[in-house]
Full PDB file with SEQRES, HELIX, SHEET, SSBOND, CRYST1, ORIGX, SCALE, CONECT and MASTER records, all heavy atoms in Angstrom:
SEQRES   1 A   35  ALA ALA GLY GLY ARG ASP LYS TYR ILE GLU ALA GLN LEU          
SEQRES   2 A   35  LYS GLU LYS GLY TYR LEU VAL GLU ARG LYS PRO THR ASP          
SEQRES   3 A   35  SER MET SER LYS ALA GLU LEU GLU ARG                          
HELIX    1 AA1 ARG A    5  GLU A   15  1                                  11    
HELIX    2 AA2 LYS A   30  GLU A   34  1                                   5    
CRYST1    1.000    1.000    1.000  90.00  90.00  90.00 P 1           1          
ORIGX1      1.000000  0.000000  0.000000        0.00000                         
ORIGX2      0.000000  1.000000  0.000000        0.00000                         
ORIGX3      0.000000  0.000000  1.000000        0.00000                         
SCALE1      1.000000  0.000000  0.000000        0.00000                         
SCALE2      0.000000  1.000000  0.000000        0.00000                         
SCALE3      0.000000  0.000000  1.000000        0.00000                         
ATOM      1  N   ALA A   1      16.059 -10.386  -7.567  1.00  0.00           N  
ATOM      2  CA  ALA A   1      15.908  -9.395  -8.634  1.00  0.00           C  
ATOM      3  C   ALA A   1      14.793  -8.410  -8.328  1.00  0.00           C  
ATOM      4  O   ALA A   1      14.874  -7.232  -8.710  1.00  0.00           O  
ATOM      5  CB  ALA A   1      15.627 -10.108  -9.963  1.00  0.00           C  
ATOM      6  N   ALA A   2      13.750  -8.877  -7.615  1.00  0.00           N  
ATOM      7  CA  ALA A   2      12.619  -8.013  -7.269  1.00  0.00           C  
ATOM      8  C   ALA A   2      12.946  -7.056  -6.128  1.00  0.00           C  
ATOM      9  O   ALA A   2      12.199  -6.096  -5.894  1.00  0.00           O  
ATOM     10  CB  ALA A   2      11.404  -8.864  -6.910  1.00  0.00           C  
ATOM     11  N   GLY A   3      14.042  -7.328  -5.405  1.00  0.00           N  
ATOM     12  CA  GLY A   3      14.419  -6.463  -4.300  1.00  0.00           C  
ATOM     13  C   GLY A   3      14.012  -6.973  -2.933  1.00  0.00           C  
ATOM     14  O   GLY A   3      13.951  -6.206  -1.973  1.00  0.00           O  
ATOM     15  N   GLY A   4      13.716  -8.281  -2.848  1.00  0.00           N  
ATOM     16  CA  GLY A   4      13.359  -8.874  -1.567  1.00  0.00           C  
ATOM     17  C   GLY A   4      12.041  -9.623  -1.630  1.00  0.00           C  
ATOM     18  O   GLY A   4      11.303  -9.548  -2.624  1.00  0.00           O  
ATOM     19  N   ARG A   5      11.736 -10.361  -0.548  1.00  0.00           N  
ATOM     20  CA  ARG A   5      10.556 -11.219  -0.524  1.00  0.00           C  
ATOM     21  C   ARG A   5       9.257 -10.448  -0.682  1.00  0.00           C  
ATOM     22  O   ARG A   5       8.379 -10.826  -1.467  1.00  0.00           O  
ATOM     23  CB  ARG A   5      10.518 -12.019   0.776  1.00  0.00           C  
ATOM     24  CG  ARG A   5       9.472 -13.125   0.773  1.00  0.00           C  
ATOM     25  CD  ARG A   5       9.281 -13.726   2.133  1.00  0.00           C  
ATOM     26  NE  ARG A   5       8.599 -12.775   3.019  1.00  0.00           N  
ATOM     27  CZ  ARG A   5       7.954 -13.107   4.123  1.00  0.00           C  
ATOM     28  NH1 ARG A   5       7.940 -14.366   4.523  1.00  0.00           N  
ATOM     29  NH2 ARG A   5       7.360 -12.191   4.881  1.00  0.00           N  
ATOM     30  N   ASP A   6       9.084  -9.359   0.080  1.00  0.00           N  
ATOM     31  CA  ASP A   6       7.820  -8.610   0.055  1.00  0.00           C  
ATOM     32  C   ASP A   6       7.556  -8.024  -1.330  1.00  0.00           C  
ATOM     33  O   ASP A   6       6.412  -8.081  -1.824  1.00  0.00           O  
ATOM     34  CB  ASP A   6       7.840  -7.505   1.115  1.00  0.00           C  
ATOM     35  CG  ASP A   6       7.819  -8.059   2.533  1.00  0.00           C  
ATOM     36  OD1 ASP A   6       7.452  -9.249   2.704  1.00  0.00           O  
ATOM     37  OD2 ASP A   6       8.185  -7.314   3.472  1.00  0.00           O  
ATOM     38  N   LYS A   7       8.573  -7.456  -1.939  1.00  0.00           N  
ATOM     39  CA  LYS A   7       8.402  -6.877  -3.271  1.00  0.00           C  
ATOM     40  C   LYS A   7       8.127  -7.965  -4.310  1.00  0.00           C  
ATOM     41  O   LYS A   7       7.365  -7.749  -5.257  1.00  0.00           O  
ATOM     42  CB  LYS A   7       9.634  -6.049  -3.645  1.00  0.00           C  
ATOM     43  CG  LYS A   7       9.774  -4.765  -2.830  1.00  0.00           C  
ATOM     44  CD  LYS A   7      10.950  -3.938  -3.293  1.00  0.00           C  
ATOM     45  CE  LYS A   7      11.040  -2.622  -2.495  1.00  0.00           C  
ATOM     46  NZ  LYS A   7      12.208  -1.806  -2.930  1.00  0.00           N  
ATOM     47  N   TYR A   8       8.776  -9.134  -4.141  1.00  0.00           N  
ATOM     48  CA  TYR A   8       8.534 -10.253  -5.039  1.00  0.00           C  
ATOM     49  C   TYR A   8       7.077 -10.705  -4.951  1.00  0.00           C  
ATOM     50  O   TYR A   8       6.415 -10.913  -5.978  1.00  0.00           O  
ATOM     51  CB  TYR A   8       9.468 -11.403  -4.705  1.00  0.00           C  
ATOM     52  CG  TYR A   8       9.111 -12.711  -5.377  1.00  0.00           C  
ATOM     53  CD1 TYR A   8       9.426 -12.946  -6.713  1.00  0.00           C  
ATOM     54  CD2 TYR A   8       8.432 -13.721  -4.673  1.00  0.00           C  
ATOM     55  CE1 TYR A   8       9.102 -14.149  -7.333  1.00  0.00           C  
ATOM     56  CE2 TYR A   8       8.100 -14.915  -5.286  1.00  0.00           C  
ATOM     57  CZ  TYR A   8       8.432 -15.128  -6.610  1.00  0.00           C  
ATOM     58  OH  TYR A   8       8.088 -16.316  -7.222  1.00  0.00           O  
ATOM     59  N   ILE A   9       6.583 -10.861  -3.729  1.00  0.00           N  
ATOM     60  CA  ILE A   9       5.202 -11.311  -3.529  1.00  0.00           C  
ATOM     61  C   ILE A   9       4.218 -10.304  -4.127  1.00  0.00           C  
ATOM     62  O   ILE A   9       3.261 -10.675  -4.809  1.00  0.00           O  
ATOM     63  CB  ILE A   9       4.930 -11.532  -2.024  1.00  0.00           C  
ATOM     64  CG1 ILE A   9       5.725 -12.747  -1.530  1.00  0.00           C  
ATOM     65  CG2 ILE A   9       3.435 -11.733  -1.769  1.00  0.00           C  
ATOM     66  CD1 ILE A   9       5.649 -12.951  -0.031  1.00  0.00           C  
ATOM     67  N   GLU A  10       4.463  -9.024  -3.875  1.00  0.00           N  
ATOM     68  CA  GLU A  10       3.573  -7.993  -4.409  1.00  0.00           C  
ATOM     69  C   GLU A  10       3.560  -8.014  -5.936  1.00  0.00           C  
ATOM     70  O   GLU A  10       2.497  -7.912  -6.569  1.00  0.00           O  
ATOM     71  CB  GLU A  10       4.017  -6.610  -3.907  1.00  0.00           C  
ATOM     72  CG  GLU A  10       3.086  -5.483  -4.331  1.00  0.00           C  
ATOM     73  CD  GLU A  10       3.528  -4.133  -3.820  1.00  0.00           C  
ATOM     74  OE1 GLU A  10       4.530  -4.067  -3.069  1.00  0.00           O  
ATOM     75  OE2 GLU A  10       2.878  -3.111  -4.175  1.00  0.00           O  
ATOM     76  N   ALA A  11       4.751  -8.157  -6.540  1.00  0.00           N  
ATOM     77  CA  ALA A  11       4.843  -8.193  -8.008  1.00  0.00           C  
ATOM     78  C   ALA A  11       4.124  -9.412  -8.574  1.00  0.00           C  
ATOM     79  O   ALA A  11       3.435  -9.327  -9.601  1.00  0.00           O  
ATOM     80  CB  ALA A  11       6.305  -8.186  -8.440  1.00  0.00           C  
ATOM     81  N   GLN A  12       4.257 -10.572  -7.897  1.00  0.00           N  
ATOM     82  CA  GLN A  12       3.593 -11.786  -8.352  1.00  0.00           C  
ATOM     83  C   GLN A  12       2.078 -11.681  -8.226  1.00  0.00           C  
ATOM     84  O   GLN A  12       1.332 -12.116  -9.113  1.00  0.00           O  
ATOM     85  CB  GLN A  12       4.102 -12.991  -7.542  1.00  0.00           C  
ATOM     86  CG  GLN A  12       5.523 -13.420  -7.892  1.00  0.00           C  
ATOM     87  CD  GLN A  12       5.626 -13.978  -9.295  1.00  0.00           C  
ATOM     88  OE1 GLN A  12       4.952 -14.936  -9.650  1.00  0.00           O  
ATOM     89  NE2 GLN A  12       6.463 -13.375 -10.114  1.00  0.00           N  
ATOM     90  N   LEU A  13       1.605 -11.097  -7.134  1.00  0.00           N  
ATOM     91  CA  LEU A  13       0.163 -10.918  -6.943  1.00  0.00           C  
ATOM     92  C   LEU A  13      -0.415 -10.034  -8.040  1.00  0.00           C  
ATOM     93  O   LEU A  13      -1.493 -10.319  -8.582  1.00  0.00           O  
ATOM     94  CB  LEU A  13      -0.121 -10.301  -5.565  1.00  0.00           C  
ATOM     95  CG  LEU A  13       0.119 -11.195  -4.344  1.00  0.00           C  
ATOM     96  CD1 LEU A  13      -0.013 -10.379  -3.063  1.00  0.00           C  
ATOM     97  CD2 LEU A  13      -0.862 -12.368  -4.325  1.00  0.00           C  
ATOM     98  N   LYS A  14       0.334  -8.992  -8.359  1.00  0.00           N  
ATOM     99  CA  LYS A  14      -0.117  -8.068  -9.395  1.00  0.00           C  
ATOM    100  C   LYS A  14      -0.115  -8.744 -10.764  1.00  0.00           C  
ATOM    101  O   LYS A  14      -1.069  -8.615 -11.537  1.00  0.00           O  
ATOM    102  CB  LYS A  14       0.780  -6.828  -9.404  1.00  0.00           C  
ATOM    103  CG  LYS A  14       0.301  -5.720 -10.322  1.00  0.00           C  
ATOM    104  CD  LYS A  14       1.195  -4.493 -10.182  1.00  0.00           C  
ATOM    105  CE  LYS A  14       0.683  -3.365 -11.096  1.00  0.00           C  
ATOM    106  NZ  LYS A  14       1.541  -2.142 -10.960  1.00  0.00           N  
ATOM    107  N   GLU A  15       0.976  -9.474 -11.066  1.00  0.00           N  
ATOM    108  CA  GLU A  15       1.108 -10.123 -12.360  1.00  0.00           C  
ATOM    109  C   GLU A  15       0.028 -11.174 -12.578  1.00  0.00           C  
ATOM    110  O   GLU A  15      -0.492 -11.328 -13.692  1.00  0.00           O  
ATOM    111  CB  GLU A  15       2.494 -10.760 -12.466  1.00  0.00           C  
ATOM    112  CG  GLU A  15       2.781 -11.446 -13.789  1.00  0.00           C  
ATOM    113  CD  GLU A  15       4.156 -12.085 -13.826  1.00  0.00           C  
ATOM    114  OE1 GLU A  15       5.086 -11.546 -13.198  1.00  0.00           O  
ATOM    115  OE2 GLU A  15       4.281 -13.143 -14.493  1.00  0.00           O  
ATOM    116  N   LYS A  16      -0.339 -11.896 -11.528  1.00  0.00           N  
ATOM    117  CA  LYS A  16      -1.308 -12.989 -11.634  1.00  0.00           C  
ATOM    118  C   LYS A  16      -2.740 -12.538 -11.396  1.00  0.00           C  
ATOM    119  O   LYS A  16      -3.663 -13.362 -11.420  1.00  0.00           O  
ATOM    120  CB  LYS A  16      -0.932 -14.106 -10.664  1.00  0.00           C  
ATOM    121  CG  LYS A  16       0.412 -14.762 -10.986  1.00  0.00           C  
ATOM    122  CD  LYS A  16       0.781 -15.830  -9.980  1.00  0.00           C  
ATOM    123  CE  LYS A  16       2.114 -16.480 -10.328  1.00  0.00           C  
ATOM    124  NZ  LYS A  16       2.481 -17.548  -9.386  1.00  0.00           N  
ATOM    125  N   GLY A  17      -2.919 -11.243 -11.166  1.00  0.00           N  
ATOM    126  CA  GLY A  17      -4.271 -10.714 -11.006  1.00  0.00           C  
ATOM    127  C   GLY A  17      -4.892 -10.956  -9.637  1.00  0.00           C  
ATOM    128  O   GLY A  17      -6.123 -10.887  -9.495  1.00  0.00           O  
ATOM    129  N   TYR A  18      -4.070 -11.224  -8.612  1.00  0.00           N  
ATOM    130  CA  TYR A  18      -4.578 -11.465  -7.271  1.00  0.00           C  
ATOM    131  C   TYR A  18      -4.562 -10.204  -6.405  1.00  0.00           C  
ATOM    132  O   TYR A  18      -5.221 -10.174  -5.356  1.00  0.00           O  
ATOM    133  CB  TYR A  18      -3.775 -12.556  -6.557  1.00  0.00           C  
ATOM    134  CG  TYR A  18      -4.086 -13.950  -7.020  1.00  0.00           C  
ATOM    135  CD1 TYR A  18      -3.292 -14.589  -7.968  1.00  0.00           C  
ATOM    136  CD2 TYR A  18      -5.187 -14.630  -6.511  1.00  0.00           C  
ATOM    137  CE1 TYR A  18      -3.573 -15.873  -8.397  1.00  0.00           C  
ATOM    138  CE2 TYR A  18      -5.471 -15.927  -6.925  1.00  0.00           C  
ATOM    139  CZ  TYR A  18      -4.665 -16.535  -7.863  1.00  0.00           C  
ATOM    140  OH  TYR A  18      -4.956 -17.817  -8.275  1.00  0.00           O  
ATOM    141  N   LEU A  19      -3.826  -9.189  -6.809  1.00  0.00           N  
ATOM    142  CA  LEU A  19      -3.700  -7.992  -5.988  1.00  0.00           C  
ATOM    143  C   LEU A  19      -4.995  -7.191  -6.021  1.00  0.00           C  
ATOM    144  O   LEU A  19      -5.457  -6.763  -7.080  1.00  0.00           O  
ATOM    145  CB  LEU A  19      -2.529  -7.139  -6.471  1.00  0.00           C  
ATOM    146  CG  LEU A  19      -2.107  -5.977  -5.553  1.00  0.00           C  
ATOM    147  CD1 LEU A  19      -1.600  -6.511  -4.214  1.00  0.00           C  
ATOM    148  CD2 LEU A  19      -1.026  -5.130  -6.220  1.00  0.00           C  
ATOM    149  N   VAL A  20      -5.577  -7.004  -4.876  1.00  0.00           N  
ATOM    150  CA  VAL A  20      -6.885  -6.350  -4.769  1.00  0.00           C  
ATOM    151  C   VAL A  20      -6.710  -4.885  -4.352  1.00  0.00           C  
ATOM    152  O   VAL A  20      -6.021  -4.593  -3.378  1.00  0.00           O  
ATOM    153  CB  VAL A  20      -7.784  -7.072  -3.748  1.00  0.00           C  
ATOM    154  CG1 VAL A  20      -9.135  -6.378  -3.643  1.00  0.00           C  
ATOM    155  CG2 VAL A  20      -7.956  -8.537  -4.133  1.00  0.00           C  
ATOM    156  N   GLU A  21      -7.344  -4.018  -5.097  1.00  0.00           N  
ATOM    157  CA  GLU A  21      -7.349  -2.606  -4.728  1.00  0.00           C  
ATOM    158  C   GLU A  21      -8.296  -2.410  -3.550  1.00  0.00           C  
ATOM    159  O   GLU A  21      -9.460  -2.803  -3.610  1.00  0.00           O  
ATOM    160  CB  GLU A  21      -7.781  -1.751  -5.907  1.00  0.00           C  
ATOM    161  CG  GLU A  21      -7.749  -0.261  -5.621  1.00  0.00           C  
ATOM    162  CD  GLU A  21      -8.275   0.569  -6.792  1.00  0.00           C  
ATOM    163  OE1 GLU A  21      -8.538  -0.008  -7.882  1.00  0.00           O  
ATOM    164  OE2 GLU A  21      -8.439   1.785  -6.604  1.00  0.00           O  
ATOM    165  N   ARG A  22      -7.795  -1.821  -2.441  1.00  0.00           N  
ATOM    166  CA  ARG A  22      -8.631  -1.632  -1.257  1.00  0.00           C  
ATOM    167  C   ARG A  22      -9.654  -0.533  -1.502  1.00  0.00           C  
ATOM    168  O   ARG A  22      -9.318   0.554  -1.995  1.00  0.00           O  
ATOM    169  CB  ARG A  22      -7.776  -1.295  -0.038  1.00  0.00           C  
ATOM    170  CG  ARG A  22      -7.353  -2.517   0.766  1.00  0.00           C  
ATOM    171  CD  ARG A  22      -6.694  -3.618  -0.019  1.00  0.00           C  
ATOM    172  NE  ARG A  22      -6.284  -4.756   0.802  1.00  0.00           N  
ATOM    173  CZ  ARG A  22      -5.766  -5.854   0.323  1.00  0.00           C  
ATOM    174  NH1 ARG A  22      -5.636  -6.003  -1.019  1.00  0.00           N  
ATOM    175  NH2 ARG A  22      -5.422  -6.836   1.119  1.00  0.00           N  
ATOM    176  N   LYS A  23     -10.935  -0.828  -1.134  1.00  0.00           N  
ATOM    177  CA  LYS A  23     -12.038   0.105  -1.322  1.00  0.00           C  
ATOM    178  C   LYS A  23     -12.890   0.150  -0.062  1.00  0.00           C  
ATOM    179  O   LYS A  23     -12.952  -0.829   0.695  1.00  0.00           O  
ATOM    180  CB  LYS A  23     -12.920  -0.334  -2.507  1.00  0.00           C  
ATOM    181  CG  LYS A  23     -12.209  -0.438  -3.841  1.00  0.00           C  
ATOM    182  CD  LYS A  23     -13.166  -0.964  -4.896  1.00  0.00           C  
ATOM    183  CE  LYS A  23     -12.495  -1.104  -6.256  1.00  0.00           C  
ATOM    184  NZ  LYS A  23     -13.415  -1.673  -7.283  1.00  0.00           N  
ATOM    185  N   PRO A  24     -13.580   1.278   0.165  1.00  0.00           N  
ATOM    186  CA  PRO A  24     -14.538   1.317   1.276  1.00  0.00           C  
ATOM    187  C   PRO A  24     -15.727   0.404   0.970  1.00  0.00           C  
ATOM    188  O   PRO A  24     -16.152   0.287  -0.184  1.00  0.00           O  
ATOM    189  CB  PRO A  24     -14.958   2.784   1.352  1.00  0.00           C  
ATOM    190  CG  PRO A  24     -14.640   3.347  -0.009  1.00  0.00           C  
ATOM    191  CD  PRO A  24     -13.475   2.605  -0.514  1.00  0.00           C  
ATOM    192  N   THR A  25     -16.224  -0.251   1.990  1.00  0.00           N  
ATOM    193  CA  THR A  25     -17.286  -1.234   1.798  1.00  0.00           C  
ATOM    194  C   THR A  25     -18.678  -0.714   2.144  1.00  0.00           C  
ATOM    195  O   THR A  25     -19.681  -1.417   1.935  1.00  0.00           O  
ATOM    196  CB  THR A  25     -16.997  -2.478   2.657  1.00  0.00           C  
ATOM    197  OG1 THR A  25     -16.914  -2.077   4.035  1.00  0.00           O  
ATOM    198  CG2 THR A  25     -15.686  -3.139   2.226  1.00  0.00           C  
ATOM    199  N   ASP A  26     -18.768   0.502   2.665  1.00  0.00           N  
ATOM    200  CA  ASP A  26     -20.054   1.025   3.137  1.00  0.00           C  
ATOM    201  C   ASP A  26     -21.099   1.091   2.036  1.00  0.00           C  
ATOM    202  O   ASP A  26     -22.276   0.796   2.272  1.00  0.00           O  
ATOM    203  CB  ASP A  26     -19.862   2.436   3.743  1.00  0.00           C  
ATOM    204  CG  ASP A  26     -18.989   2.411   4.989  1.00  0.00           C  
ATOM    205  OD1 ASP A  26     -18.803   1.304   5.540  1.00  0.00           O  
ATOM    206  OD2 ASP A  26     -18.484   3.473   5.390  1.00  0.00           O  
ATOM    207  N   SER A  27     -20.712   1.493   0.836  1.00  0.00           N  
ATOM    208  CA  SER A  27     -21.684   1.687  -0.253  1.00  0.00           C  
ATOM    209  C   SER A  27     -21.852   0.455  -1.133  1.00  0.00           C  
ATOM    210  O   SER A  27     -22.574   0.518  -2.140  1.00  0.00           O  
ATOM    211  CB  SER A  27     -21.235   2.877  -1.114  1.00  0.00           C  
ATOM    212  OG  SER A  27     -19.933   2.630  -1.670  1.00  0.00           O  
ATOM    213  N   MET A  28     -21.168  -0.660  -0.780  1.00  0.00           N  
ATOM    214  CA  MET A  28     -21.255  -1.871  -1.598  1.00  0.00           C  
ATOM    215  C   MET A  28     -22.553  -2.601  -1.357  1.00  0.00           C  
ATOM    216  O   MET A  28     -23.062  -2.660  -0.232  1.00  0.00           O  
ATOM    217  CB  MET A  28     -20.083  -2.807  -1.305  1.00  0.00           C  
ATOM    218  CG  MET A  28     -18.741  -2.338  -1.785  1.00  0.00           C  
ATOM    219  SD  MET A  28     -17.456  -3.599  -1.468  1.00  0.00           S  
ATOM    220  CE  MET A  28     -16.016  -2.745  -2.089  1.00  0.00           C  
ATOM    221  N   SER A  29     -23.091  -3.172  -2.467  1.00  0.00           N  
ATOM    222  CA  SER A  29     -24.238  -4.054  -2.319  1.00  0.00           C  
ATOM    223  C   SER A  29     -23.775  -5.366  -1.689  1.00  0.00           C  
ATOM    224  O   SER A  29     -22.578  -5.630  -1.593  1.00  0.00           O  
ATOM    225  CB  SER A  29     -24.876  -4.320  -3.679  1.00  0.00           C  
ATOM    226  OG  SER A  29     -23.979  -5.072  -4.515  1.00  0.00           O  
ATOM    227  N   LYS A  30     -24.740  -6.176  -1.301  1.00  0.00           N  
ATOM    228  CA  LYS A  30     -24.411  -7.451  -0.678  1.00  0.00           C  
ATOM    229  C   LYS A  30     -23.605  -8.329  -1.630  1.00  0.00           C  
ATOM    230  O   LYS A  30     -22.623  -8.972  -1.237  1.00  0.00           O  
ATOM    231  CB  LYS A  30     -25.686  -8.174  -0.257  1.00  0.00           C  
ATOM    232  CG  LYS A  30     -25.434  -9.432   0.543  1.00  0.00           C  
ATOM    233  CD  LYS A  30     -26.736 -10.046   1.021  1.00  0.00           C  
ATOM    234  CE  LYS A  30     -26.470 -11.335   1.821  1.00  0.00           C  
ATOM    235  NZ  LYS A  30     -27.745 -11.925   2.306  1.00  0.00           N  
ATOM    236  N   ALA A  31     -24.012  -8.339  -2.893  1.00  0.00           N  
ATOM    237  CA  ALA A  31     -23.322  -9.160  -3.888  1.00  0.00           C  
ATOM    238  C   ALA A  31     -21.905  -8.649  -4.135  1.00  0.00           C  
ATOM    239  O   ALA A  31     -20.954  -9.428  -4.253  1.00  0.00           O  
ATOM    240  CB  ALA A  31     -24.106  -9.177  -5.199  1.00  0.00           C  
ATOM    241  N   GLU A  32     -21.758  -7.289  -4.220  1.00  0.00           N  
ATOM    242  CA  GLU A  32     -20.441  -6.683  -4.422  1.00  0.00           C  
ATOM    243  C   GLU A  32     -19.517  -6.983  -3.233  1.00  0.00           C  
ATOM    244  O   GLU A  32     -18.335  -7.256  -3.404  1.00  0.00           O  
ATOM    245  CB  GLU A  32     -20.562  -5.180  -4.604  1.00  0.00           C  
ATOM    246  CG  GLU A  32     -21.150  -4.769  -5.957  1.00  0.00           C  
ATOM    247  CD  GLU A  32     -21.380  -3.267  -6.044  1.00  0.00           C  
ATOM    248  OE1 GLU A  32     -21.655  -2.625  -4.989  1.00  0.00           O  
ATOM    249  OE2 GLU A  32     -21.278  -2.733  -7.170  1.00  0.00           O  
ATOM    250  N   LEU A  33     -20.109  -6.903  -2.011  1.00  0.00           N  
ATOM    251  CA  LEU A  33     -19.336  -7.160  -0.799  1.00  0.00           C  
ATOM    252  C   LEU A  33     -18.830  -8.606  -0.764  1.00  0.00           C  
ATOM    253  O   LEU A  33     -17.683  -8.864  -0.381  1.00  0.00           O  
ATOM    254  CB  LEU A  33     -20.169  -6.854   0.441  1.00  0.00           C  
ATOM    255  CG  LEU A  33     -19.465  -7.009   1.805  1.00  0.00           C  
ATOM    256  CD1 LEU A  33     -18.266  -6.059   1.877  1.00  0.00           C  
ATOM    257  CD2 LEU A  33     -20.448  -6.731   2.961  1.00  0.00           C  
ATOM    258  N   GLU A  34     -19.688  -9.539  -1.179  1.00  0.00           N  
ATOM    259  CA  GLU A  34     -19.295 -10.933  -1.196  1.00  0.00           C  
ATOM    260  C   GLU A  34     -18.152 -11.170  -2.187  1.00  0.00           C  
ATOM    261  O   GLU A  34     -17.204 -11.900  -1.890  1.00  0.00           O  
ATOM    262  CB  GLU A  34     -20.494 -11.813  -1.553  1.00  0.00           C  
ATOM    263  CG  GLU A  34     -21.531 -11.945  -0.457  1.00  0.00           C  
ATOM    264  CD  GLU A  34     -20.979 -12.589   0.802  1.00  0.00           C  
ATOM    265  OE1 GLU A  34     -20.201 -13.575   0.664  1.00  0.00           O  
ATOM    266  OE2 GLU A  34     -21.293 -12.105   1.910  1.00  0.00           O  
ATOM    267  N   ARG A  35     -18.273 -10.549  -3.372  1.00  0.00           N  
ATOM    268  CA  ARG A  35     -17.214 -10.687  -4.369  1.00  0.00           C  
ATOM    269  C   ARG A  35     -15.897 -10.060  -3.871  1.00  0.00           C  
ATOM    270  O   ARG A  35     -14.811 -10.608  -4.091  1.00  0.00           O  
ATOM    271  CB  ARG A  35     -17.638 -10.027  -5.691  1.00  0.00           C  
ATOM    272  CG  ARG A  35     -18.690 -10.816  -6.467  1.00  0.00           C  
ATOM    273  CD  ARG A  35     -18.802 -10.315  -7.890  1.00  0.00           C  
ATOM    274  NE  ARG A  35     -19.270  -8.944  -7.944  1.00  0.00           N  
ATOM    275  CZ  ARG A  35     -20.535  -8.562  -7.987  1.00  0.00           C  
ATOM    276  NH1 ARG A  35     -21.506  -9.500  -7.998  1.00  0.00           N  
ATOM    277  NH2 ARG A  35     -20.867  -7.286  -8.041  1.00  0.00           N  
TER     278      ARG A  35                                                      
MASTER        0    0    0    2    0    0    0    6  277    1    0    3          
END                                                                             
């Protein structure tokens, strides 16, 4: 129903709050980088 394995995984990651928005790490503090 999701349109294949990759789309299913992406939808599940998003629904469960695991999907991480990619960000540049240069300006992150040490604590932010660890998180």
